[in-house]
Amino acid sequence: MTRGDLYRLVDDLPDDTVDDTAVVLKMIMRRQLDPAQTWVWTEQWQEQLRGSFGDLEAGWTQHFDTGEDLLAAL
């Protein structure tokens, strides 16, 4: 992606997402967010995370104290 591509993406942002996008870009510029980790903000990953949080809230999880305990449960 070129800077020109990025400018076009910004121009095409819905008005209600500009502020949130600016926050993320500023965090990257300040080195508060690793650009190599921005994949977590893709829609696919956000959807998967929402599903995981839903599983946690529903109690569909198990806790294991050790790796051995986890393997024994499999």
PDB file of N, CA and C in Angstrom:
ATOM      1  N   MET A   1       0.850  -1.171   0.000  1.00  0.00           N
ATOM      2  CA  MET A   1       0.000   0.000   0.000  1.00  0.00           C
ATOM      3  C   MET A   1       0.893   1.230   0.000  1.00  0.00           C
ATOM      4  N   THR A   2       0.503   2.193  -0.768  1.00  0.00           N
ATOM      5  CA  THR A   2       1.254   3.446  -0.833  1.00  0.00           C
ATOM      6  C   THR A   2       0.582   4.494   0.049  1.00  0.00           C
ATOM      7  N   ARG A   3       1.292   5.589   0.265  1.00  0.00           N
ATOM      8  CA  ARG A   3       0.686   6.683   1.027  1.00  0.00           C
ATOM      9  C   ARG A   3      -0.551   7.211   0.310  1.00  0.00           C
ATOM     10  N   GLY A   4      -0.497   7.238  -1.017  1.00  0.00           N
ATOM     11  CA  GLY A   4      -1.655   7.683  -1.788  1.00  0.00           C
ATOM     12  C   GLY A   4      -2.855   6.785  -1.547  1.00  0.00           C
ATOM     13  N   ASP A   5      -2.601   5.458  -1.477  1.00  0.00           N
ATOM     14  CA  ASP A   5      -3.687   4.517  -1.168  1.00  0.00           C
ATOM     15  C   ASP A   5      -4.265   4.807   0.211  1.00  0.00           C
ATOM     16  N   LEU A   6      -3.374   5.081   1.153  1.00  0.00           N
ATOM     17  CA  LEU A   6      -3.824   5.377   2.509  1.00  0.00           C
ATOM     18  C   LEU A   6      -4.668   6.651   2.543  1.00  0.00           C
ATOM     19  N   TYR A   7      -4.220   7.676   1.832  1.00  0.00           N
ATOM     20  CA  TYR A   7      -4.997   8.921   1.777  1.00  0.00           C
ATOM     21  C   TYR A   7      -6.388   8.666   1.204  1.00  0.00           C
ATOM     22  N   ARG A   8      -6.469   7.839   0.157  1.00  0.00           N
ATOM     23  CA  ARG A   8      -7.776   7.521  -0.426  1.00  0.00           C
ATOM     24  C   ARG A   8      -8.652   6.770   0.560  1.00  0.00           C
ATOM     25  N   LEU A   9      -8.055   5.852   1.325  1.00  0.00           N
ATOM     26  CA  LEU A   9      -8.819   5.135   2.347  1.00  0.00           C
ATOM     27  C   LEU A   9      -9.378   6.097   3.390  1.00  0.00           C
ATOM     28  N   VAL A  10      -8.544   7.030   3.817  1.00  0.00           N
ATOM     29  CA  VAL A  10      -8.988   8.014   4.811  1.00  0.00           C
ATOM     30  C   VAL A  10     -10.115   8.863   4.234  1.00  0.00           C
ATOM     31  N   ASP A  11      -9.975   9.261   2.995  1.00  0.00           N
ATOM     32  CA  ASP A  11     -11.036  10.065   2.371  1.00  0.00           C
ATOM     33  C   ASP A  11     -12.349   9.300   2.290  1.00  0.00           C
ATOM     34  N   ASP A  12     -12.283   7.979   2.171  1.00  0.00           N
ATOM     35  CA  ASP A  12     -13.490   7.159   2.038  1.00  0.00           C
ATOM     36  C   ASP A  12     -14.068   6.699   3.375  1.00  0.00           C
ATOM     37  N   LEU A  13     -13.423   7.065   4.490  1.00  0.00           N
ATOM     38  CA  LEU A  13     -13.929   6.647   5.796  1.00  0.00           C
ATOM     39  C   LEU A  13     -15.311   7.225   6.056  1.00  0.00           C
ATOM     40  N   PRO A  14     -16.194   6.424   6.630  1.00  0.00           N
ATOM     41  CA  PRO A  14     -17.472   6.994   7.076  1.00  0.00           C
ATOM     42  C   PRO A  14     -17.201   8.056   8.145  1.00  0.00           C
ATOM     43  N   ASP A  15     -17.985   9.102   8.153  1.00  0.00           N
ATOM     44  CA  ASP A  15     -17.755  10.218   9.083  1.00  0.00           C
ATOM     45  C   ASP A  15     -17.691   9.767  10.540  1.00  0.00           C
ATOM     46  N   ASP A  16     -18.465   8.743  10.906  1.00  0.00           N
ATOM     47  CA  ASP A  16     -18.493   8.333  12.310  1.00  0.00           C
ATOM     48  C   ASP A  16     -17.302   7.466  12.717  1.00  0.00           C
ATOM     49  N   THR A  17     -16.364   7.222  11.790  1.00  0.00           N
ATOM     50  CA  THR A  17     -15.189   6.419  12.147  1.00  0.00           C
ATOM     51  C   THR A  17     -13.889   7.212  12.125  1.00  0.00           C
ATOM     52  N   VAL A  18     -13.962   8.460  11.728  1.00  0.00           N
ATOM     53  CA  VAL A  18     -12.750   9.262  11.581  1.00  0.00           C
ATOM     54  C   VAL A  18     -12.016   9.421  12.910  1.00  0.00           C
ATOM     55  N   ASP A  19     -12.730   9.748  13.966  1.00  0.00           N
ATOM     56  CA  ASP A  19     -12.073   9.968  15.263  1.00  0.00           C
ATOM     57  C   ASP A  19     -11.389   8.700  15.761  1.00  0.00           C
ATOM     58  N   ASP A  20     -12.074   7.562  15.660  1.00  0.00           N
ATOM     59  CA  ASP A  20     -11.477   6.307  16.129  1.00  0.00           C
ATOM     60  C   ASP A  20     -10.251   5.930  15.299  1.00  0.00           C
ATOM     61  N   THR A  21     -10.331   6.157  14.004  1.00  0.00           N
ATOM     62  CA  THR A  21      -9.194   5.862  13.128  1.00  0.00           C
ATOM     63  C   THR A  21      -8.008   6.749  13.484  1.00  0.00           C
ATOM     64  N   ALA A  22      -8.285   8.013  13.770  1.00  0.00           N
ATOM     65  CA  ALA A  22      -7.216   8.941  14.143  1.00  0.00           C
ATOM     66  C   ALA A  22      -6.522   8.481  15.418  1.00  0.00           C
ATOM     67  N   VAL A  23      -7.269   7.956  16.363  1.00  0.00           N
ATOM     68  CA  VAL A  23      -6.685   7.468  17.618  1.00  0.00           C
ATOM     69  C   VAL A  23      -5.705   6.337  17.326  1.00  0.00           C
ATOM     70  N   VAL A  24      -6.107   5.387  16.491  1.00  0.00           N
ATOM     71  CA  VAL A  24      -5.240   4.254  16.167  1.00  0.00           C
ATOM     72  C   VAL A  24      -3.984   4.733  15.442  1.00  0.00           C
ATOM     73  N   LEU A  25      -4.141   5.616  14.467  1.00  0.00           N
ATOM     74  CA  LEU A  25      -2.979   6.120  13.734  1.00  0.00           C
ATOM     75  C   LEU A  25      -2.020   6.877  14.650  1.00  0.00           C
ATOM     76  N   LYS A  26      -2.564   7.682  15.561  1.00  0.00           N
ATOM     77  CA  LYS A  26      -1.703   8.401  16.509  1.00  0.00           C
ATOM     78  C   LYS A  26      -0.956   7.431  17.417  1.00  0.00           C
ATOM     79  N   MET A  27      -1.628   6.357  17.842  1.00  0.00           N
ATOM     80  CA  MET A  27      -0.968   5.368  18.696  1.00  0.00           C
ATOM     81  C   MET A  27       0.182   4.687  17.949  1.00  0.00           C
ATOM     82  N   ILE A  28      -0.008   4.422  16.663  1.00  0.00           N
ATOM     83  CA  ILE A  28       1.067   3.833  15.864  1.00  0.00           C
ATOM     84  C   ILE A  28       2.227   4.815  15.757  1.00  0.00           C
ATOM     85  N   MET A  29       1.932   6.081  15.497  1.00  0.00           N
ATOM     86  CA  MET A  29       2.985   7.091  15.360  1.00  0.00           C
ATOM     87  C   MET A  29       3.769   7.259  16.653  1.00  0.00           C
ATOM     88  N   ARG A  30       3.100   7.140  17.791  1.00  0.00           N
ATOM     89  CA  ARG A  30       3.764   7.293  19.099  1.00  0.00           C
ATOM     90  C   ARG A  30       4.417   6.002  19.566  1.00  0.00           C
ATOM     91  N   ARG A  31       4.350   4.970  18.736  1.00  0.00           N
ATOM     92  CA  ARG A  31       4.907   3.647  19.060  1.00  0.00           C
ATOM     93  C   ARG A  31       4.197   3.013  20.251  1.00  0.00           C
ATOM     94  N   GLN A  32       2.927   3.392  20.468  1.00  0.00           N
ATOM     95  CA  GLN A  32       2.124   2.800  21.533  1.00  0.00           C
ATOM     96  C   GLN A  32       1.387   1.560  21.025  1.00  0.00           C
ATOM     97  N   LEU A  33       1.349   1.396  19.721  1.00  0.00           N
ATOM     98  CA  LEU A  33       0.704   0.251  19.095  1.00  0.00           C
ATOM     99  C   LEU A  33       1.653  -0.253  18.024  1.00  0.00           C
ATOM    100  N   ASP A  34       2.034  -1.499  18.135  1.00  0.00           N
ATOM    101  CA  ASP A  34       2.970  -2.101  17.191  1.00  0.00           C
ATOM    102  C   ASP A  34       2.263  -2.314  15.852  1.00  0.00           C
ATOM    103  N   PRO A  35       2.739  -1.684  14.781  1.00  0.00           N
ATOM    104  CA  PRO A  35       2.096  -1.856  13.480  1.00  0.00           C
ATOM    105  C   PRO A  35       2.006  -3.322  13.045  1.00  0.00           C
ATOM    106  N   ALA A  36       2.925  -4.139  13.520  1.00  0.00           N
ATOM    107  CA  ALA A  36       2.893  -5.562  13.170  1.00  0.00           C
ATOM    108  C   ALA A  36       1.741  -6.293  13.861  1.00  0.00           C
ATOM    109  N   GLN A  37       1.114  -5.644  14.834  1.00  0.00           N
ATOM    110  CA  GLN A  37       0.009  -6.263  15.566  1.00  0.00           C
ATOM    111  C   GLN A  37      -1.353  -5.691  15.182  1.00  0.00           C
ATOM    112  N   THR A  38      -1.407  -4.864  14.164  1.00  0.00           N
ATOM    113  CA  THR A  38      -2.667  -4.234  13.808  1.00  0.00           C
ATOM    114  C   THR A  38      -3.670  -5.202  13.198  1.00  0.00           C
ATOM    115  N   TRP A  39      -3.217  -6.410  12.840  1.00  0.00           N
ATOM    116  CA  TRP A  39      -4.139  -7.421  12.302  1.00  0.00           C
ATOM    117  C   TRP A  39      -5.276  -7.693  13.277  1.00  0.00           C
ATOM    118  N   VAL A  40      -5.024  -7.505  14.567  1.00  0.00           N
ATOM    119  CA  VAL A  40      -6.068  -7.800  15.557  1.00  0.00           C
ATOM    120  C   VAL A  40      -7.264  -6.869  15.395  1.00  0.00           C
ATOM    121  N   TRP A  41      -7.091  -5.753  14.687  1.00  0.00           N
ATOM    122  CA  TRP A  41      -8.181  -4.804  14.498  1.00  0.00           C
ATOM    123  C   TRP A  41      -8.970  -5.065  13.223  1.00  0.00           C
ATOM    124  N   THR A  42      -8.600  -6.104  12.461  1.00  0.00           N
ATOM    125  CA  THR A  42      -9.376  -6.419  11.263  1.00  0.00           C
ATOM    126  C   THR A  42     -10.745  -6.945  11.680  1.00  0.00           C
ATOM    127  N   GLU A  43     -11.726  -6.803  10.808  1.00  0.00           N
ATOM    128  CA  GLU A  43     -13.092  -7.225  11.127  1.00  0.00           C
ATOM    129  C   GLU A  43     -13.145  -8.713  11.470  1.00  0.00           C
ATOM    130  N   GLN A  44     -12.391  -9.519  10.736  1.00  0.00           N
ATOM    131  CA  GLN A  44     -12.384 -10.963  11.006  1.00  0.00           C
ATOM    132  C   GLN A  44     -11.926 -11.265  12.436  1.00  0.00           C
ATOM    133  N   TRP A  45     -10.842 -10.652  12.841  1.00  0.00           N
ATOM    134  CA  TRP A  45     -10.334 -10.907  14.183  1.00  0.00           C
ATOM    135  C   TRP A  45     -11.234 -10.316  15.254  1.00  0.00           C
ATOM    136  N   GLN A  46     -11.802  -9.147  14.998  1.00  0.00           N
ATOM    137  CA  GLN A  46     -12.711  -8.553  15.974  1.00  0.00           C
ATOM    138  C   GLN A  46     -13.943  -9.443  16.158  1.00  0.00           C
ATOM    139  N   GLU A  47     -14.442 -10.028  15.070  1.00  0.00           N
ATOM    140  CA  GLU A  47     -15.580 -10.935  15.168  1.00  0.00           C
ATOM    141  C   GLU A  47     -15.229 -12.168  15.995  1.00  0.00           C
ATOM    142  N   GLN A  48     -14.037 -12.705  15.760  1.00  0.00           N
ATOM    143  CA  GLN A  48     -13.597 -13.872  16.535  1.00  0.00           C
ATOM    144  C   GLN A  48     -13.425 -13.525  18.010  1.00  0.00           C
ATOM    145  N   LEU A  49     -12.890 -12.351  18.288  1.00  0.00           N
ATOM    146  CA  LEU A  49     -12.725 -11.930  19.678  1.00  0.00           C
ATOM    147  C   LEU A  49     -14.072 -11.745  20.364  1.00  0.00           C
ATOM    148  N   ARG A  50     -15.041 -11.148  19.653  1.00  0.00           N
ATOM    149  CA  ARG A  50     -16.377 -10.991  20.235  1.00  0.00           C
ATOM    150  C   ARG A  50     -16.966 -12.355  20.576  1.00  0.00           C
ATOM    151  N   GLY A  51     -16.763 -13.334  19.690  1.00  0.00           N
ATOM    152  CA  GLY A  51     -17.244 -14.686  19.967  1.00  0.00           C
ATOM    153  C   GLY A  51     -16.563 -15.284  21.182  1.00  0.00           C
ATOM    154  N   SER A  52     -15.277 -15.062  21.307  1.00  0.00           N
ATOM    155  CA  SER A  52     -14.532 -15.588  22.463  1.00  0.00           C
ATOM    156  C   SER A  52     -15.010 -14.950  23.756  1.00  0.00           C
ATOM    157  N   PHE A  53     -15.218 -13.633  23.727  1.00  0.00           N
ATOM    158  CA  PHE A  53     -15.708 -12.952  24.929  1.00  0.00           C
ATOM    159  C   PHE A  53     -17.105 -13.439  25.295  1.00  0.00           C
ATOM    160  N   GLY A  54     -17.905 -13.725  24.281  1.00  0.00           N
ATOM    161  CA  GLY A  54     -19.235 -14.278  24.523  1.00  0.00           C
ATOM    162  C   GLY A  54     -19.155 -15.639  25.188  1.00  0.00           C
ATOM    163  N   ASP A  55     -18.222 -16.468  24.744  1.00  0.00           N
ATOM    164  CA  ASP A  55     -18.012 -17.778  25.369  1.00  0.00           C
ATOM    165  C   ASP A  55     -17.605 -17.622  26.832  1.00  0.00           C
ATOM    166  N   LEU A  56     -16.735 -16.664  27.099  1.00  0.00           N
ATOM    167  CA  LEU A  56     -16.311 -16.420  28.480  1.00  0.00           C
ATOM    168  C   LEU A  56     -17.494 -16.005  29.348  1.00  0.00           C
ATOM    169  N   GLU A  57     -18.300 -15.073  28.843  1.00  0.00           N
ATOM    170  CA  GLU A  57     -19.454 -14.589  29.604  1.00  0.00           C
ATOM    171  C   GLU A  57     -20.478 -15.695  29.847  1.00  0.00           C
ATOM    172  N   ALA A  58     -20.609 -16.611  28.886  1.00  0.00           N
ATOM    173  CA  ALA A  58     -21.570 -17.710  29.012  1.00  0.00           C
ATOM    174  C   ALA A  58     -21.043 -18.835  29.898  1.00  0.00           C
ATOM    175  N   GLY A  59     -19.777 -18.748  30.298  1.00  0.00           N
ATOM    176  CA  GLY A  59     -19.200 -19.779  31.152  1.00  0.00           C
ATOM    177  C   GLY A  59     -18.795 -21.035  30.405  1.00  0.00           C
ATOM    178  N   TRP A  60     -18.618 -20.926  29.093  1.00  0.00           N
ATOM    179  CA  TRP A  60     -18.248 -22.081  28.279  1.00  0.00           C
ATOM    180  C   TRP A  60     -16.739 -22.253  28.205  1.00  0.00           C
ATOM    181  N   THR A  61     -16.099 -22.153  29.321  1.00  0.00           N
ATOM    182  CA  THR A  61     -14.647 -22.279  29.373  1.00  0.00           C
ATOM    183  C   THR A  61     -14.251 -23.183  30.527  1.00  0.00           C
ATOM    184  N   GLN A  62     -13.026 -23.630  30.479  1.00  0.00           N
ATOM    185  CA  GLN A  62     -12.455 -24.409  31.576  1.00  0.00           C
ATOM    186  C   GLN A  62     -11.121 -23.780  31.947  1.00  0.00           C
ATOM    187  N   HIS A  63     -10.773 -23.897  33.190  1.00  0.00           N
ATOM    188  CA  HIS A  63      -9.494 -23.388  33.677  1.00  0.00           C
ATOM    189  C   HIS A  63      -8.611 -24.570  34.058  1.00  0.00           C
ATOM    190  N   PHE A  64      -7.368 -24.526  33.648  1.00  0.00           N
ATOM    191  CA  PHE A  64      -6.414 -25.570  33.991  1.00  0.00           C
ATOM    192  C   PHE A  64      -5.216 -24.920  34.672  1.00  0.00           C
ATOM    193  N   ASP A  65      -4.775 -25.516  35.760  1.00  0.00           N
ATOM    194  CA  ASP A  65      -3.641 -24.971  36.507  1.00  0.00           C
ATOM    195  C   ASP A  65      -2.309 -25.274  35.841  1.00  0.00           C
ATOM    196  N   THR A  66      -2.252 -26.377  35.110  1.00  0.00           N
ATOM    197  CA  THR A  66      -0.990 -26.762  34.470  1.00  0.00           C
ATOM    198  C   THR A  66      -1.265 -27.265  33.056  1.00  0.00           C
ATOM    199  N   GLY A  67      -0.224 -27.293  32.262  1.00  0.00           N
ATOM    200  CA  GLY A  67      -0.329 -27.848  30.935  1.00  0.00           C
ATOM    201  C   GLY A  67      -0.675 -29.322  30.973  1.00  0.00           C
ATOM    202  N   GLU A  68      -0.168 -29.998  31.983  1.00  0.00           N
ATOM    203  CA  GLU A  68      -0.482 -31.423  32.143  1.00  0.00           C
ATOM    204  C   GLU A  68      -1.967 -31.639  32.389  1.00  0.00           C
ATOM    205  N   ASP A  69      -2.573 -30.764  33.196  1.00  0.00           N
ATOM    206  CA  ASP A  69      -4.012 -30.859  33.449  1.00  0.00           C
ATOM    207  C   ASP A  69      -4.813 -30.658  32.159  1.00  0.00           C
ATOM    208  N   LEU A  70      -4.352 -29.708  31.351  1.00  0.00           N
ATOM    209  CA  LEU A  70      -5.010 -29.455  30.071  1.00  0.00           C
ATOM    210  C   LEU A  70      -4.926 -30.711  29.184  1.00  0.00           C
ATOM    211  N   LEU A  71      -3.752 -31.267  29.066  1.00  0.00           N
ATOM    212  CA  LEU A  71      -3.574 -32.431  28.216  1.00  0.00           C
ATOM    213  C   LEU A  71      -4.392 -33.622  28.733  1.00  0.00           C
ATOM    214  N   ALA A  72      -4.499 -33.779  30.034  1.00  0.00           N
ATOM    215  CA  ALA A  72      -5.276 -34.881  30.596  1.00  0.00           C
ATOM    216  C   ALA A  72      -6.765 -34.727  30.277  1.00  0.00           C
ATOM    217  N   ALA A  73      -7.236 -33.491  30.139  1.00  0.00           N
ATOM    218  CA  ALA A  73      -8.644 -33.248  29.832  1.00  0.00           C
ATOM    219  C   ALA A  73      -8.978 -33.513  28.376  1.00  0.00           C
ATOM    220  N   LEU A  74      -7.966 -33.550  27.542  1.00  0.00           N
ATOM    221  CA  LEU A  74      -8.223 -33.797  26.113  1.00  0.00           C
ATOM    222  C   LEU A  74      -8.521 -35.218  25.917  1.00  0.00           C
TER     223      LEU A  74
END
